[in-house]
């Protein structure tokens, strides 16, 4: 009877499977985000792909939270699982907010700095998915995990520089035009803000992974 009951409960390794699935949605979303920033007539298609990735991430997050409630044994503290799950979800949510702004304002042209921010998001997603894949062996892989989270922090710092450079370029363009296209400046600034926050959310994931390492090693 006990064995039958235990079979109904989520296995501990299922959490790692779900974390990996969640991280995969970030890779898909970041790739679509970067393609969106190429602009042109395909922009709405890539916006829709980002939204689809966000919906899949929501499905995984719900599955994790149900598993947390049903499980007697979890791979690490329940509150850490929730924080990690929420941070993964926030990253793809921020991509969706970016796509929503692009759709709302019907933007089809993006600056070089915006595309560079998209490149940074793709790099951060790749590092994140690797870090999440190492969580089942966090004791053995702690040095690599620390290195990965540090790289993500460096990317976030680089994204701040790209944001500043992009905003300066927007301002200088307005000056050259005599401040004539204020709406373009406002829309550009909003998109820059969303893109920079995408990378911020990846750093949040890295910080929560670091927190797990500190608590459980």
Protein backbone atom coordinates (compact mmCIF):
# COMPACT_ATOMS: atom_id res chain seq x y z
CA UNK A 1 0.00 0.00 0.00
CA UNK A 2 2.75 2.44 0.91
CA UNK A 3 4.65 1.61 -2.27
CA UNK A 4 1.54 2.27 -4.35
CA UNK A 5 1.00 5.60 -2.59
CA UNK A 6 4.62 6.65 -3.13
CA UNK A 7 4.33 5.84 -6.82
CA UNK A 8 1.65 8.53 -7.09
CA UNK A 9 3.93 11.20 -5.66
CA UNK A 10 6.27 13.27 -7.84
CA UNK A 11 9.78 11.82 -7.89
CA UNK A 12 12.60 14.06 -6.74
CA UNK A 13 14.30 13.86 -10.14
CA UNK A 14 11.09 15.13 -11.77
CA UNK A 15 11.89 18.57 -10.36
CA UNK A 16 15.16 18.65 -12.27
CA UNK A 17 13.35 17.56 -15.42
CA UNK A 18 10.88 20.40 -14.96
CA UNK A 19 13.63 22.94 -14.27
CA UNK A 20 15.31 21.86 -17.51
CA UNK A 21 12.03 22.16 -19.44
CA UNK A 22 11.49 25.61 -17.98
CA UNK A 23 15.00 26.73 -18.93
CA UNK A 24 14.44 25.42 -22.47
CA UNK A 25 11.54 27.86 -22.90
CA UNK A 26 13.98 30.67 -22.16
CA UNK A 27 16.29 29.49 -24.93
CA UNK A 28 13.39 29.31 -27.39
CA UNK A 29 12.07 32.70 -26.28
CA UNK A 30 15.49 34.39 -26.48
CA UNK A 31 16.11 32.99 -29.96
CA UNK A 32 12.72 34.31 -31.11
CA UNK A 33 13.44 37.65 -29.45
CA UNK A 34 16.69 37.96 -31.39
CA UNK A 35 14.96 37.10 -34.66
CA UNK A 36 12.27 39.65 -33.87
CA UNK A 37 14.95 42.33 -33.57
CA UNK A 38 16.02 41.70 -37.16
CA UNK A 39 12.84 43.57 -38.01
CA UNK A 40 10.91 43.52 -41.26
CA UNK A 41 7.70 41.75 -42.18
CA UNK A 42 8.54 38.67 -40.09
CA UNK A 43 8.44 40.66 -36.86
CA UNK A 44 4.86 39.63 -35.91
CA UNK A 45 5.73 35.97 -36.49
CA UNK A 46 8.59 36.12 -34.00
CA UNK A 47 6.48 38.07 -31.51
CA UNK A 48 3.96 35.24 -31.65
CA UNK A 49 6.75 32.71 -31.10
CA UNK A 50 7.79 34.57 -27.93
CA UNK A 51 4.22 34.51 -26.65
CA UNK A 52 4.05 30.77 -27.34
CA UNK A 53 7.26 30.22 -25.36
CA UNK A 54 5.79 32.22 -22.47
CA UNK A 55 2.66 30.07 -22.45
CA UNK A 56 4.75 26.89 -22.35
CA UNK A 57 6.80 28.35 -19.49
CA UNK A 58 3.60 29.06 -17.56
CA UNK A 59 2.52 25.43 -18.01
CA UNK A 60 5.84 24.17 -16.63
CA UNK A 61 5.73 26.61 -13.71
CA UNK A 62 2.26 25.41 -12.73
CA UNK A 63 3.45 21.81 -12.87
CA UNK A 64 6.38 22.62 -10.58
CA UNK A 65 4.19 24.36 -8.02
CA UNK A 66 1.76 21.44 -7.98
CA UNK A 67 4.69 19.05 -7.52
CA UNK A 68 5.97 21.13 -4.59
CA UNK A 69 2.60 20.78 -2.85
CA UNK A 70 2.34 17.04 -3.51
CA UNK A 71 5.89 15.98 -2.69
CA UNK A 72 7.12 14.77 0.67
CA UNK A 73 10.73 14.95 -0.53
CA UNK A 74 12.16 17.74 -2.68
CA UNK A 75 15.73 18.13 -4.02
CA UNK A 76 16.17 21.31 -2.00
CA UNK A 77 14.13 23.72 0.09
CA UNK A 78 10.59 24.33 -1.16
CA UNK A 79 10.96 28.09 -0.93
CA UNK A 80 14.12 27.90 -3.06
CA UNK A 81 12.25 25.83 -5.64
CA UNK A 82 9.49 28.43 -5.79
CA UNK A 83 11.97 31.30 -6.08
CA UNK A 84 13.91 29.59 -8.85
CA UNK A 85 10.72 28.73 -10.71
CA UNK A 86 9.39 32.28 -10.39
CA UNK A 87 12.66 33.77 -11.62
CA UNK A 88 12.72 31.47 -14.67
CA UNK A 89 9.13 32.46 -15.38
CA UNK A 90 9.88 36.16 -14.93
CA UNK A 91 12.62 35.98 -17.59
CA UNK A 92 10.32 34.68 -20.30
CA UNK A 93 7.52 36.96 -19.07
CA UNK A 94 9.81 39.94 -19.71
CA UNK A 95 10.45 38.70 -23.25
CA UNK A 96 6.70 38.56 -23.74
CA UNK A 97 6.35 42.14 -22.46
CA UNK A 98 8.95 43.21 -25.02
CA UNK A 99 7.04 41.48 -27.82
CA UNK A 100 3.81 43.06 -26.59
CA UNK A 101 5.32 46.56 -26.84
CA UNK A 102 6.65 45.81 -30.32
CA UNK A 103 3.22 44.55 -31.39
CA UNK A 104 1.39 47.49 -29.80
CA UNK A 105 3.54 50.11 -31.52
CA UNK A 106 3.91 48.14 -34.77
CA UNK A 107 7.68 48.48 -34.68
CA UNK A 108 9.51 46.95 -37.65
CA UNK A 109 12.95 48.57 -37.42
CA UNK A 110 15.39 48.09 -34.55
CA UNK A 111 18.69 49.76 -33.76
CA UNK A 112 22.07 47.97 -33.66
CA UNK A 113 22.17 48.36 -29.86
CA UNK A 114 18.78 46.66 -29.58
CA UNK A 115 20.05 43.74 -31.65
CA UNK A 116 23.14 43.54 -29.46
CA UNK A 117 20.91 43.34 -26.39
CA UNK A 118 19.13 40.48 -28.12
CA UNK A 119 22.48 38.77 -28.63
CA UNK A 120 23.21 39.14 -24.92
CA UNK A 121 19.84 37.58 -24.06
CA UNK A 122 20.65 34.58 -26.28
CA UNK A 123 24.01 34.15 -24.55
CA UNK A 124 22.43 34.45 -21.09
CA UNK A 125 19.81 31.85 -22.01
CA UNK A 126 22.49 29.39 -23.13
CA UNK A 127 24.41 29.85 -19.87
CA UNK A 128 21.19 29.50 -17.87
CA UNK A 129 20.16 26.24 -19.49
CA UNK A 130 23.61 24.81 -18.83
CA UNK A 131 23.51 25.93 -15.19
CA UNK A 132 20.08 24.38 -14.65
CA UNK A 133 21.25 21.13 -16.24
CA UNK A 134 24.02 20.90 -13.62
CA UNK A 135 21.74 21.27 -10.60
CA UNK A 136 21.29 17.49 -10.12
CA UNK A 137 25.06 17.28 -9.60
CA UNK A 138 25.46 20.61 -7.82
CA UNK A 139 28.00 19.31 -5.32
CA UNK A 140 30.32 17.96 -7.97
CA UNK A 141 29.66 20.83 -10.41
CA UNK A 142 29.71 23.72 -7.96
CA UNK A 143 32.79 25.36 -9.54
CA UNK A 144 31.24 25.29 -13.01
CA UNK A 145 27.94 26.55 -11.62
CA UNK A 146 29.71 29.45 -9.93
CA UNK A 147 31.52 30.25 -13.18
CA UNK A 148 28.27 30.20 -15.18
CA UNK A 149 26.42 32.49 -12.79
CA UNK A 150 29.38 34.87 -12.80
CA UNK A 151 29.30 34.99 -16.60
CA UNK A 152 25.60 35.83 -16.51
CA UNK A 153 26.35 38.68 -14.08
CA UNK A 154 28.98 40.00 -16.51
CA UNK A 155 26.45 39.86 -19.33
CA UNK A 156 24.00 41.86 -17.23
CA UNK A 157 26.66 44.52 -16.68
CA UNK A 158 27.32 44.60 -20.43
CA UNK A 159 23.59 44.99 -21.08
CA UNK A 160 23.60 48.09 -18.86
CA UNK A 161 26.33 49.59 -21.06
CA UNK A 162 24.39 48.73 -24.22
CA UNK A 163 21.26 50.29 -22.76
CA UNK A 164 23.12 53.51 -21.94
CA UNK A 165 24.71 53.64 -25.40
CA UNK A 166 21.38 52.99 -27.07
CA UNK A 167 19.59 55.67 -25.11
CA UNK A 168 22.35 58.15 -25.93
CA UNK A 169 22.03 57.30 -29.62
CA UNK A 170 18.27 57.88 -29.41
CA UNK A 171 18.82 61.24 -27.76
CA UNK A 172 21.42 62.31 -30.30
CA UNK A 173 19.10 61.35 -33.16
CA UNK A 174 16.43 63.57 -31.62
CA UNK A 175 18.87 66.46 -31.37
CA UNK A 176 19.84 66.11 -35.03
CA UNK A 177 16.17 66.21 -35.98
CA UNK A 178 15.45 69.14 -33.71
CA UNK A 179 13.39 67.02 -31.34
CA UNK A 180 10.76 66.54 -34.04
CA UNK A 181 9.90 62.88 -33.46
CA UNK A 182 9.22 62.62 -29.75
CA UNK A 183 7.02 59.54 -30.23
CA UNK A 184 9.89 57.59 -31.82
CA UNK A 185 12.07 58.46 -28.83
CA UNK A 186 9.42 57.32 -26.34
CA UNK A 187 8.82 54.02 -28.16
CA UNK A 188 12.53 53.38 -28.58
CA UNK A 189 13.18 54.10 -24.91
CA UNK A 190 10.42 51.68 -23.85
CA UNK A 191 11.83 48.88 -26.00
CA UNK A 192 15.32 49.50 -24.63
CA UNK A 193 13.92 49.31 -21.12
CA UNK A 194 12.21 45.99 -21.80
CA UNK A 195 15.29 44.48 -23.43
CA UNK A 196 17.58 45.52 -20.60
CA UNK A 197 15.14 44.01 -18.09
CA UNK A 198 15.20 40.70 -19.97
CA UNK A 199 18.88 40.37 -19.11
CA UNK A 200 18.18 41.56 -15.56
CA UNK A 201 15.78 38.65 -15.15
CA UNK A 202 18.47 36.21 -16.25
CA UNK A 203 20.72 37.61 -13.54
CA UNK A 204 17.89 37.00 -11.05
CA UNK A 205 17.88 33.33 -12.09
CA UNK A 206 21.65 33.19 -11.60
CA UNK A 207 21.32 34.76 -8.16
CA UNK A 208 18.74 32.17 -7.10
CA UNK A 209 20.97 29.36 -8.33
CA UNK A 210 23.76 30.84 -6.24
CA UNK A 211 21.39 30.94 -3.29
CA UNK A 212 20.65 27.24 -3.69
CA UNK A 213 24.38 26.50 -3.76
CA UNK A 214 25.00 28.50 -0.59
CA UNK A 215 22.12 26.84 1.26
CA UNK A 216 22.70 23.27 0.23
CA UNK A 217 26.46 22.77 -0.15
